[in-house]
Protein backbone atom coordinates (compact mmCIF):
# COMPACT_ATOMS: atom_id res chain seq x y z
CA UNK A 1 40.25 4.06 5.73
CA UNK A 2 37.13 3.58 3.62
CA UNK A 3 37.60 -0.18 3.86
CA UNK A 4 37.57 0.03 7.64
CA UNK A 5 34.32 1.99 7.56
CA UNK A 6 32.75 -0.50 5.15
CA UNK A 7 33.96 -3.42 7.25
CA UNK A 8 32.43 -1.90 10.41
CA UNK A 9 29.16 -1.29 8.59
CA UNK A 10 29.14 -4.87 7.33
CA UNK A 11 29.77 -6.18 10.86
CA UNK A 12 26.99 -3.95 12.20
CA UNK A 13 24.51 -5.06 9.55
CA UNK A 14 25.40 -8.71 10.01
CA UNK A 15 24.91 -8.42 13.78
CA UNK A 16 21.63 -6.50 13.33
CA UNK A 17 20.11 -9.12 11.01
CA UNK A 18 21.42 -11.98 13.13
CA UNK A 19 19.70 -10.56 16.21
CA UNK A 20 16.49 -9.95 14.24
CA UNK A 21 16.48 -13.51 12.92
CA UNK A 22 17.03 -14.90 16.41
CA UNK A 23 14.05 -12.90 17.60
CA UNK A 24 11.74 -13.80 14.72
CA UNK A 25 12.54 -17.43 13.83
CA UNK A 26 11.05 -19.08 16.97
CA UNK A 27 7.72 -17.33 16.48
CA UNK A 28 7.77 -18.05 12.75
CA UNK A 29 8.38 -21.75 13.43
CA UNK A 30 5.63 -21.78 16.07
CA UNK A 31 3.24 -20.23 13.55
CA UNK A 32 4.11 -22.90 11.00
CA UNK A 33 3.51 -25.70 13.53
CA UNK A 34 0.22 -24.24 14.76
CA UNK A 35 -0.92 -23.59 11.22
CA UNK A 36 -0.23 -27.18 10.22
CA UNK A 37 -2.02 -28.43 13.34
CA UNK A 38 -5.06 -26.28 12.61
CA UNK A 39 -5.08 -27.40 8.98
CA UNK A 40 -4.98 -31.08 10.00
CA UNK A 41 -7.80 -30.53 12.50
CA UNK A 42 -9.85 -28.75 9.84
CA UNK A 43 -9.34 -31.58 7.34
CA UNK A 44 -10.33 -34.13 10.01
CA UNK A 45 -13.44 -32.07 10.77
CA UNK A 46 -14.40 -31.93 7.10
CA UNK A 47 -13.90 -35.68 6.68
CA UNK A 48 -15.93 -36.55 9.78
CA UNK A 49 -18.67 -34.07 8.85
CA UNK A 50 -18.83 -35.48 5.32
CA UNK A 51 -19.09 -39.04 6.63
CA UNK A 52 -21.81 -38.14 9.13
CA UNK A 53 -23.73 -36.14 6.56
CA UNK A 54 -23.47 -39.01 4.08
CA UNK A 55 -24.75 -41.49 6.68
CA UNK A 56 -27.65 -39.20 7.57
CA UNK A 57 -28.58 -38.81 3.91
CA UNK A 58 -28.47 -42.61 3.49
CA UNK A 59 -30.75 -43.03 6.53
CA UNK A 60 -33.23 -40.44 5.23
CA UNK A 61 -33.36 -41.87 1.72
């Protein structure tokens, strides 16, 4: 009897977490992709800004 109760609880918990993961994982993955994209754009901005600033300094000096 107690084993049946524990088994039902285990099935319930497994189903609960499976549903939660299915709801969360797509948004988590989207956040990772957008975060990487924003990081790459930021690095590109820093590189371009550094190059332009360096060229301007060379022109001034």
